[in-house]
N, C-alpha and C. Protein backbone atom coordinates (compact mmCIF):
# COMPACT_ATOMS: atom_id res chain seq x y z
N MET A 1 116.92 -2.31 -0.19
CA MET A 1 115.71 -2.56 -0.95
C MET A 1 114.62 -3.23 -0.10
N LYS A 2 115.06 -4.25 0.68
CA LYS A 2 114.12 -4.97 1.49
C LYS A 2 113.49 -4.06 2.55
N SER A 3 114.28 -3.20 3.17
CA SER A 3 113.72 -2.35 4.21
C SER A 3 112.72 -1.34 3.62
N CYS A 4 112.98 -0.89 2.40
CA CYS A 4 112.02 0.01 1.72
C CYS A 4 110.69 -0.72 1.49
N MET A 5 110.77 -1.96 1.01
CA MET A 5 109.55 -2.71 0.77
C MET A 5 108.83 -2.99 2.07
N THR A 6 109.56 -3.25 3.12
CA THR A 6 108.94 -3.49 4.43
C THR A 6 108.20 -2.25 4.89
N VAL A 7 108.84 -1.09 4.78
CA VAL A 7 108.20 0.16 5.14
C VAL A 7 106.95 0.36 4.32
N MET A 8 107.02 0.15 2.99
CA MET A 8 105.85 0.31 2.17
C MET A 8 104.74 -0.65 2.54
N GLY A 9 105.12 -1.90 2.90
CA GLY A 9 104.12 -2.85 3.35
C GLY A 9 103.43 -2.42 4.62
N VAL A 10 104.19 -1.87 5.57
CA VAL A 10 103.62 -1.35 6.82
C VAL A 10 102.69 -0.20 6.53
N VAL A 11 103.13 0.71 5.64
CA VAL A 11 102.28 1.84 5.29
C VAL A 11 100.99 1.36 4.68
N GLY A 12 101.04 0.34 3.82
CA GLY A 12 99.82 -0.20 3.23
C GLY A 12 98.88 -0.77 4.27
N VAL A 13 99.43 -1.51 5.25
CA VAL A 13 98.62 -2.06 6.30
C VAL A 13 98.02 -0.96 7.17
N LEU A 14 98.81 0.06 7.51
CA LEU A 14 98.30 1.19 8.28
C LEU A 14 97.21 1.90 7.52
N ALA A 15 97.38 2.07 6.25
CA ALA A 15 96.39 2.77 5.45
C ALA A 15 95.06 2.00 5.44
N VAL A 16 95.10 0.67 5.33
CA VAL A 16 93.89 -0.11 5.35
C VAL A 16 93.28 -0.02 6.75
N ALA A 17 94.11 -0.16 7.80
CA ALA A 17 93.55 -0.11 9.16
C ALA A 17 92.95 1.22 9.48
N ALA A 18 93.53 2.29 8.97
CA ALA A 18 92.98 3.63 9.29
C ALA A 18 91.61 3.83 8.70
N GLY A 19 91.29 3.13 7.61
CA GLY A 19 90.00 3.33 6.94
C GLY A 19 88.92 2.35 7.40
N THR A 20 89.19 1.48 8.39
CA THR A 20 88.23 0.44 8.75
C THR A 20 87.34 0.84 9.92
N ALA A 21 87.61 1.92 10.63
CA ALA A 21 86.81 2.30 11.79
C ALA A 21 85.39 2.68 11.35
N ARG A 22 84.39 2.22 12.09
CA ARG A 22 83.00 2.54 11.78
C ARG A 22 82.40 3.31 12.95
N ALA A 23 81.73 4.36 12.61
CA ALA A 23 81.07 5.20 13.63
C ALA A 23 79.76 4.57 14.02
N GLN A 24 79.28 4.93 15.20
CA GLN A 24 77.95 4.50 15.66
C GLN A 24 76.89 5.19 14.78
N PRO A 25 75.69 4.60 14.71
CA PRO A 25 74.66 5.26 13.91
C PRO A 25 74.33 6.66 14.47
N VAL A 26 73.92 7.51 13.56
CA VAL A 26 73.47 8.86 13.93
C VAL A 26 71.98 8.71 14.22
N ASP A 27 71.58 9.14 15.39
CA ASP A 27 70.18 8.97 15.80
C ASP A 27 69.32 10.17 15.41
N VAL A 28 68.14 9.87 14.85
CA VAL A 28 67.11 10.84 14.56
C VAL A 28 65.85 10.38 15.28
N ARG A 29 65.30 11.28 16.12
CA ARG A 29 64.08 10.94 16.84
C ARG A 29 62.87 11.39 16.04
N MET A 30 61.83 10.60 16.09
CA MET A 30 60.54 10.97 15.50
C MET A 30 59.65 11.27 16.71
N GLN A 31 59.40 12.59 16.89
CA GLN A 31 58.67 13.00 18.10
C GLN A 31 58.02 14.34 17.85
N GLY A 32 56.77 14.47 18.35
CA GLY A 32 56.06 15.74 18.15
C GLY A 32 55.77 16.02 16.71
N ILE A 33 55.57 14.99 15.93
CA ILE A 33 55.34 15.05 14.48
C ILE A 33 56.42 15.85 13.81
N GLN A 34 57.69 15.52 14.18
CA GLN A 34 58.85 16.08 13.51
C GLN A 34 60.05 15.14 13.67
N PHE A 35 61.02 15.29 12.81
CA PHE A 35 62.32 14.58 12.92
C PHE A 35 63.23 15.49 13.71
N SER A 36 63.98 14.93 14.64
CA SER A 36 64.88 15.74 15.44
C SER A 36 66.19 14.97 15.63
N PRO A 37 67.30 15.53 15.06
CA PRO A 37 67.33 16.68 14.19
C PRO A 37 66.79 16.32 12.79
N ALA A 38 66.24 17.28 12.14
CA ALA A 38 65.65 17.08 10.82
C ALA A 38 66.72 17.07 9.73
N ASP A 39 67.73 17.85 9.92
CA ASP A 39 68.80 18.01 8.90
C ASP A 39 70.14 17.63 9.52
N ILE A 40 70.79 16.63 8.92
CA ILE A 40 72.08 16.22 9.47
C ILE A 40 73.10 16.09 8.34
N GLU A 41 74.37 16.12 8.71
CA GLU A 41 75.45 15.91 7.79
C GLU A 41 76.28 14.75 8.27
N ILE A 42 76.55 13.80 7.37
CA ILE A 42 77.33 12.60 7.71
C ILE A 42 78.35 12.37 6.60
N THR A 43 79.13 11.32 6.76
CA THR A 43 80.09 10.93 5.70
C THR A 43 79.65 9.60 5.10
N PRO A 44 80.10 9.26 3.90
CA PRO A 44 79.72 8.02 3.28
C PRO A 44 80.06 6.84 4.16
N GLY A 45 79.14 5.85 4.18
CA GLY A 45 79.32 4.66 4.94
C GLY A 45 78.69 4.76 6.34
N MET A 46 78.23 5.95 6.71
CA MET A 46 77.59 6.11 8.02
C MET A 46 76.13 5.66 7.96
N THR A 47 75.63 5.28 9.10
CA THR A 47 74.25 4.80 9.22
C THR A 47 73.43 5.82 10.00
N VAL A 48 72.21 6.05 9.58
CA VAL A 48 71.25 6.88 10.30
C VAL A 48 70.21 5.90 10.88
N ARG A 49 69.86 6.14 12.15
CA ARG A 49 68.84 5.35 12.80
C ARG A 49 67.69 6.27 13.24
N TRP A 50 66.53 6.02 12.67
CA TRP A 50 65.32 6.77 13.04
C TRP A 50 64.58 5.93 14.10
N THR A 51 64.20 6.58 15.21
CA THR A 51 63.46 5.92 16.26
C THR A 51 62.21 6.69 16.57
N ASN A 52 61.08 5.98 16.56
CA ASN A 52 59.78 6.63 16.84
C ASN A 52 59.61 6.77 18.36
N MET A 53 59.57 8.00 18.81
CA MET A 53 59.35 8.33 20.24
C MET A 53 57.93 8.83 20.47
N ASP A 54 57.12 8.87 19.42
CA ASP A 54 55.74 9.37 19.45
C ASP A 54 54.76 8.25 19.72
N PHE A 55 53.53 8.60 20.10
CA PHE A 55 52.46 7.63 20.21
C PHE A 55 51.82 7.35 18.87
N LEU A 56 52.13 8.17 17.85
CA LEU A 56 51.62 7.98 16.48
C LEU A 56 52.66 7.19 15.67
N PRO A 57 52.21 6.41 14.69
CA PRO A 57 53.18 5.72 13.83
C PRO A 57 53.84 6.75 12.85
N HIS A 58 55.04 6.42 12.42
CA HIS A 58 55.76 7.27 11.46
C HIS A 58 56.56 6.41 10.47
N THR A 59 57.00 7.04 9.39
CA THR A 59 57.95 6.39 8.47
C THR A 59 59.07 7.38 8.23
N ALA A 60 60.17 6.84 7.66
CA ALA A 60 61.27 7.63 7.11
C ALA A 60 61.42 7.15 5.69
N THR A 61 61.01 8.01 4.74
CA THR A 61 60.93 7.60 3.33
C THR A 61 61.63 8.64 2.48
N SER A 62 62.53 8.16 1.61
CA SER A 62 63.29 9.08 0.76
C SER A 62 62.40 9.64 -0.34
N GLU A 63 62.67 10.86 -0.70
CA GLU A 63 61.97 11.56 -1.81
C GLU A 63 63.04 12.27 -2.63
N SER A 64 62.71 12.61 -3.89
CA SER A 64 63.70 13.15 -4.81
C SER A 64 63.99 14.62 -4.55
N GLY A 65 63.26 15.30 -3.74
CA GLY A 65 63.50 16.73 -3.44
C GLY A 65 62.60 17.18 -2.35
N PRO A 66 62.86 18.35 -1.80
CA PRO A 66 62.01 18.86 -0.70
C PRO A 66 60.54 19.05 -1.19
N ASP A 67 59.62 18.66 -0.35
CA ASP A 67 58.19 18.84 -0.62
C ASP A 67 57.62 17.98 -1.78
N VAL A 68 58.38 17.02 -2.26
CA VAL A 68 57.90 16.15 -3.36
C VAL A 68 56.86 15.17 -2.82
N LEU A 69 57.14 14.60 -1.64
CA LEU A 69 56.20 13.69 -0.94
C LEU A 69 55.80 12.47 -1.74
N VAL A 70 56.72 12.01 -2.58
CA VAL A 70 56.54 10.75 -3.33
C VAL A 70 57.79 9.92 -3.11
N PRO A 71 57.65 8.67 -2.66
CA PRO A 71 58.84 7.85 -2.45
C PRO A 71 59.68 7.70 -3.74
N ASP A 72 61.01 7.84 -3.58
CA ASP A 72 61.86 7.68 -4.75
C ASP A 72 62.53 6.32 -4.80
N GLY A 73 62.31 5.49 -3.76
CA GLY A 73 62.84 4.13 -3.78
C GLY A 73 64.22 3.94 -3.19
N PHE A 74 64.89 5.01 -2.76
CA PHE A 74 66.24 4.86 -2.20
C PHE A 74 66.19 4.19 -0.86
N PHE A 75 65.36 4.69 0.06
CA PHE A 75 65.13 3.98 1.31
C PHE A 75 63.69 4.26 1.76
N ARG A 76 63.14 3.27 2.47
CA ARG A 76 61.75 3.41 2.92
C ARG A 76 61.54 2.50 4.13
N SER A 77 61.29 3.10 5.23
CA SER A 77 61.05 2.32 6.44
C SER A 77 59.64 1.75 6.42
N PRO A 78 59.41 0.70 7.18
CA PRO A 78 58.01 0.30 7.42
C PRO A 78 57.36 1.31 8.34
N PHE A 79 56.07 1.15 8.60
CA PHE A 79 55.45 2.01 9.59
C PHE A 79 56.01 1.62 10.95
N LEU A 80 56.54 2.63 11.66
CA LEU A 80 57.18 2.38 12.93
C LEU A 80 56.25 2.79 14.06
N SER A 81 56.03 1.87 14.98
CA SER A 81 55.25 2.16 16.20
C SER A 81 56.21 2.73 17.25
N THR A 82 55.62 3.14 18.39
CA THR A 82 56.42 3.70 19.47
C THR A 82 57.55 2.78 19.85
N GLY A 83 58.78 3.30 19.90
CA GLY A 83 59.94 2.56 20.28
C GLY A 83 60.64 1.77 19.18
N GLN A 84 60.01 1.66 18.01
CA GLN A 84 60.64 0.94 16.92
C GLN A 84 61.62 1.84 16.17
N SER A 85 62.63 1.20 15.55
CA SER A 85 63.67 1.92 14.81
C SER A 85 63.83 1.38 13.42
N PHE A 86 64.40 2.22 12.57
CA PHE A 86 64.78 1.83 11.20
C PHE A 86 66.18 2.40 10.94
N GLU A 87 67.07 1.64 10.34
CA GLU A 87 68.41 2.08 10.04
C GLU A 87 68.67 2.00 8.54
N PHE A 88 69.44 2.95 8.08
CA PHE A 88 69.87 2.95 6.67
C PHE A 88 71.31 3.47 6.57
N THR A 89 72.14 2.75 5.82
CA THR A 89 73.53 3.18 5.63
C THR A 89 73.64 3.88 4.28
N PHE A 90 74.27 5.04 4.29
CA PHE A 90 74.39 5.87 3.08
C PHE A 90 75.80 5.61 2.50
N PRO A 91 75.83 4.90 1.34
CA PRO A 91 77.14 4.51 0.78
C PRO A 91 77.88 5.61 0.07
N ASP A 92 77.17 6.59 -0.47
CA ASP A 92 77.81 7.58 -1.33
C ASP A 92 77.42 9.00 -0.91
N ALA A 93 78.28 9.94 -1.37
CA ALA A 93 77.99 11.35 -1.09
C ALA A 93 76.76 11.82 -1.88
N GLY A 94 76.10 12.81 -1.35
CA GLY A 94 74.94 13.39 -2.00
C GLY A 94 74.02 14.03 -0.96
N VAL A 95 72.93 14.61 -1.45
CA VAL A 95 71.93 15.19 -0.57
C VAL A 95 70.68 14.35 -0.74
N PHE A 96 70.13 13.88 0.38
CA PHE A 96 69.00 13.00 0.39
C PHE A 96 67.85 13.60 1.22
N TYR A 97 66.72 13.76 0.59
CA TYR A 97 65.52 14.32 1.25
C TYR A 97 64.64 13.18 1.71
N TYR A 98 63.98 13.37 2.83
CA TYR A 98 63.09 12.33 3.32
C TYR A 98 61.88 12.95 4.05
N TYR A 99 60.85 12.12 4.26
CA TYR A 99 59.63 12.62 4.90
C TYR A 99 58.94 11.43 5.55
N CYS A 100 57.92 11.72 6.35
CA CYS A 100 57.01 10.71 6.91
C CYS A 100 55.83 10.62 5.99
N GLU A 101 55.55 9.41 5.53
CA GLU A 101 54.43 9.22 4.59
C GLU A 101 53.08 9.55 5.24
N LEU A 102 53.01 9.51 6.54
CA LEU A 102 51.73 9.82 7.22
C LEU A 102 51.55 11.28 7.55
N HIS A 103 52.63 12.06 7.62
CA HIS A 103 52.54 13.43 8.05
C HIS A 103 53.11 14.45 7.05
N GLY A 104 53.54 13.97 5.89
CA GLY A 104 53.91 14.78 4.74
C GLY A 104 54.72 16.05 5.02
N LEU A 105 54.13 17.18 4.60
CA LEU A 105 54.82 18.46 4.69
C LEU A 105 55.23 18.84 6.12
N HIS A 106 54.54 18.32 7.12
CA HIS A 106 54.84 18.65 8.49
C HIS A 106 56.07 17.91 9.03
N MET A 107 56.51 16.89 8.27
CA MET A 107 57.57 16.05 8.84
C MET A 107 58.54 15.65 7.72
N GLN A 108 59.54 16.53 7.50
CA GLN A 108 60.54 16.30 6.46
C GLN A 108 61.93 16.52 7.00
N GLY A 109 62.92 16.00 6.30
CA GLY A 109 64.31 16.23 6.71
C GLY A 109 65.26 16.08 5.54
N THR A 110 66.53 16.35 5.82
CA THR A 110 67.59 16.25 4.79
C THR A 110 68.81 15.57 5.42
N ILE A 111 69.38 14.66 4.65
CA ILE A 111 70.65 14.04 5.02
C ILE A 111 71.68 14.47 3.97
N THR A 112 72.70 15.16 4.41
CA THR A 112 73.78 15.58 3.50
C THR A 112 74.94 14.63 3.78
N VAL A 113 75.32 13.85 2.78
CA VAL A 113 76.44 12.95 2.90
C VAL A 113 77.61 13.57 2.15
N ARG A 114 78.60 13.99 2.94
CA ARG A 114 79.74 14.71 2.37
C ARG A 114 81.00 13.94 2.62
N CYS A 115 81.80 13.77 1.60
CA CYS A 115 83.08 13.11 1.73
C CYS A 115 84.08 14.09 2.35
N PRO A 116 84.71 13.72 3.48
CA PRO A 116 85.66 14.62 4.12
C PRO A 116 86.89 14.91 3.26
N ALA A 117 87.18 14.06 2.26
CA ALA A 117 88.33 14.34 1.40
C ALA A 117 88.01 15.34 0.29
N ASP A 118 86.74 15.71 0.13
CA ASP A 118 86.35 16.72 -0.84
C ASP A 118 86.59 18.11 -0.21
N LEU A 119 87.86 18.46 -0.13
CA LEU A 119 88.24 19.66 0.63
C LEU A 119 87.84 20.99 -0.05
N ASN A 120 87.63 20.94 -1.38
CA ASN A 120 87.21 22.16 -2.06
C ASN A 120 85.71 22.23 -2.25
N GLY A 121 84.98 21.20 -1.82
CA GLY A 121 83.53 21.24 -1.83
C GLY A 121 82.87 21.16 -3.20
N ASP A 122 83.58 20.64 -4.22
CA ASP A 122 82.98 20.58 -5.56
C ASP A 122 82.24 19.29 -5.84
N GLY A 123 82.14 18.38 -4.85
CA GLY A 123 81.38 17.17 -5.01
C GLY A 123 82.17 16.00 -5.55
N ILE A 124 83.44 16.22 -5.92
CA ILE A 124 84.31 15.13 -6.38
C ILE A 124 85.64 15.20 -5.62
N VAL A 125 86.27 14.05 -5.50
CA VAL A 125 87.58 13.99 -4.88
C VAL A 125 88.60 13.76 -6.00
N ASP A 126 89.45 14.80 -6.17
CA ASP A 126 90.41 14.72 -7.27
C ASP A 126 91.74 15.35 -6.83
N PHE A 127 92.61 15.55 -7.81
CA PHE A 127 93.96 16.04 -7.50
C PHE A 127 93.93 17.42 -6.83
N SER A 128 92.97 18.24 -7.15
CA SER A 128 92.91 19.56 -6.47
C SER A 128 92.67 19.41 -4.99
N ASP A 129 91.92 18.36 -4.58
CA ASP A 129 91.74 18.10 -3.16
C ASP A 129 93.03 17.59 -2.54
N TYR A 130 93.80 16.82 -3.28
CA TYR A 130 95.11 16.36 -2.75
C TYR A 130 96.02 17.55 -2.51
N LEU A 131 96.05 18.48 -3.45
CA LEU A 131 96.90 19.68 -3.26
C LEU A 131 96.42 20.50 -2.09
N GLU A 132 95.09 20.63 -1.95
CA GLU A 132 94.54 21.36 -0.80
C GLU A 132 94.88 20.67 0.49
N PHE A 133 94.80 19.33 0.49
CA PHE A 133 95.20 18.59 1.69
C PHE A 133 96.63 18.90 2.10
N LEU A 134 97.55 18.88 1.10
CA LEU A 134 98.95 19.12 1.43
C LEU A 134 99.13 20.53 2.04
N ASN A 135 98.44 21.53 1.49
CA ASN A 135 98.51 22.87 2.06
C ASN A 135 97.99 22.92 3.50
N LEU A 136 96.82 22.31 3.72
CA LEU A 136 96.21 22.31 5.05
C LEU A 136 97.04 21.49 6.03
N TYR A 137 97.61 20.41 5.55
CA TYR A 137 98.48 19.57 6.37
C TYR A 137 99.71 20.34 6.85
N ASP A 138 100.36 21.04 5.87
CA ASP A 138 101.54 21.84 6.24
C ASP A 138 101.21 22.91 7.24
N ALA A 139 99.99 23.46 7.12
CA ALA A 139 99.55 24.54 8.02
C ALA A 139 99.00 23.99 9.36
N GLN A 140 98.96 22.63 9.49
CA GLN A 140 98.41 21.98 10.68
C GLN A 140 96.95 22.43 10.95
N ASP A 141 96.21 22.56 9.82
CA ASP A 141 94.83 23.01 9.89
C ASP A 141 93.95 21.87 10.45
N PRO A 142 93.15 22.15 11.48
CA PRO A 142 92.32 21.10 12.08
C PRO A 142 91.28 20.51 11.14
N ARG A 143 91.01 21.11 9.99
CA ARG A 143 90.03 20.53 9.04
C ARG A 143 90.55 19.20 8.46
N VAL A 144 91.87 18.95 8.57
CA VAL A 144 92.39 17.67 8.07
C VAL A 144 92.77 16.74 9.19
N ASP A 145 92.24 16.97 10.37
CA ASP A 145 92.38 16.00 11.48
C ASP A 145 91.25 14.98 11.31
N PHE A 146 91.43 14.06 10.35
CA PHE A 146 90.41 13.11 9.97
C PHE A 146 90.06 12.12 11.09
N ASN A 147 91.02 11.81 11.98
CA ASN A 147 90.69 10.84 13.02
C ASN A 147 90.25 11.50 14.34
N GLY A 148 90.20 12.82 14.36
CA GLY A 148 89.65 13.57 15.51
C GLY A 148 90.45 13.49 16.78
N ASP A 149 91.74 13.23 16.69
CA ASP A 149 92.55 13.13 17.90
C ASP A 149 93.20 14.45 18.32
N GLY A 150 92.83 15.54 17.60
CA GLY A 150 93.40 16.85 17.96
C GLY A 150 94.74 17.14 17.35
N LEU A 151 95.28 16.18 16.59
CA LEU A 151 96.57 16.37 15.95
C LEU A 151 96.43 16.21 14.44
N VAL A 152 97.21 16.95 13.70
CA VAL A 152 97.30 16.74 12.25
C VAL A 152 98.63 16.02 12.05
N ASP A 153 98.54 14.72 11.75
CA ASP A 153 99.74 13.90 11.69
C ASP A 153 99.62 12.84 10.59
N PHE A 154 100.56 11.91 10.62
CA PHE A 154 100.68 10.87 9.57
C PHE A 154 99.40 10.03 9.49
N ALA A 155 98.77 9.77 10.60
CA ALA A 155 97.54 8.98 10.59
C ALA A 155 96.47 9.69 9.76
N ASP A 156 96.40 11.02 9.82
CA ASP A 156 95.45 11.78 9.01
C ASP A 156 95.82 11.72 7.54
N TYR A 157 97.12 11.73 7.27
CA TYR A 157 97.58 11.60 5.87
C TYR A 157 97.17 10.25 5.30
N LEU A 158 97.32 9.18 6.10
CA LEU A 158 96.91 7.85 5.65
C LEU A 158 95.39 7.77 5.44
N GLU A 159 94.65 8.37 6.32
CA GLU A 159 93.19 8.38 6.16
C GLU A 159 92.78 9.15 4.90
N PHE A 160 93.43 10.28 4.64
CA PHE A 160 93.16 11.04 3.42
C PHE A 160 93.45 10.16 2.19
N LEU A 161 94.60 9.46 2.22
CA LEU A 161 94.93 8.61 1.08
C LEU A 161 93.90 7.52 0.84
N ASN A 162 93.38 6.92 1.92
CA ASN A 162 92.30 5.92 1.77
C ASN A 162 91.07 6.55 1.12
N LEU A 163 90.68 7.69 1.60
CA LEU A 163 89.51 8.37 1.05
C LEU A 163 89.76 8.78 -0.41
N TYR A 164 90.94 9.31 -0.67
CA TYR A 164 91.27 9.74 -2.04
C TYR A 164 91.24 8.57 -3.00
N GLU A 165 91.85 7.44 -2.57
CA GLU A 165 91.88 6.25 -3.43
C GLU A 165 90.46 5.72 -3.68
N ALA A 166 89.61 5.82 -2.67
CA ALA A 166 88.25 5.33 -2.82
C ALA A 166 87.35 6.28 -3.59
N GLY A 167 87.88 7.46 -3.89
CA GLY A 167 87.07 8.48 -4.59
C GLY A 167 86.12 9.20 -3.66
N CYS A 168 86.40 9.10 -2.38
CA CYS A 168 85.58 9.78 -1.40
C CYS A 168 86.46 10.51 -0.42
C-alpha cells in the first residue's frame, strides 16, 4: 500500500512539474505600418510582445472583431515609440483581434489562443479529447508530443493530464 501511495505522490509531483514550464514571449514587430507576423497561434498562458521598429508611433489594441477599430478593453498598449515594447499574457483560449489605433485598417492582426489538449478542435477540453489522446498516444502520433522532445512518452501523458484537469 505504501509503495502505491509513494508512486502516486511521485506522479502528482511530476504532473505539477510538467505543467510549470513557461515559454519565452512571442515577438511581433511593428514595422512598415504592419504587424509582423500579423497572425499568430499560441497556447493559454503565453505572452505576446509587440516591439515598435518603426520611426512612427504605434499601439497594439484589442478589438471585438476584424475591422471593428474600436477598443474592446481586453488589452491596450500605450503609444509606443521606436524601440519600445508592450507585453500581454493570454490566459484563456479564444481568437483575439487587434489593431494599431493610429493606422487602423492598414495595421491589424489576430492572435489565436488554442489549448493543445483540445485535440478535436471543438473549443472545449472534455472526455472526447481524452479518448482522442489515448488513440494518438497508442499510435505514437507526434501531435501529442506536448513537450517537443520528439518522443511520445509518459511525460506527454502527464502534460495532457495537467491540461485536461485545468480545462485547457
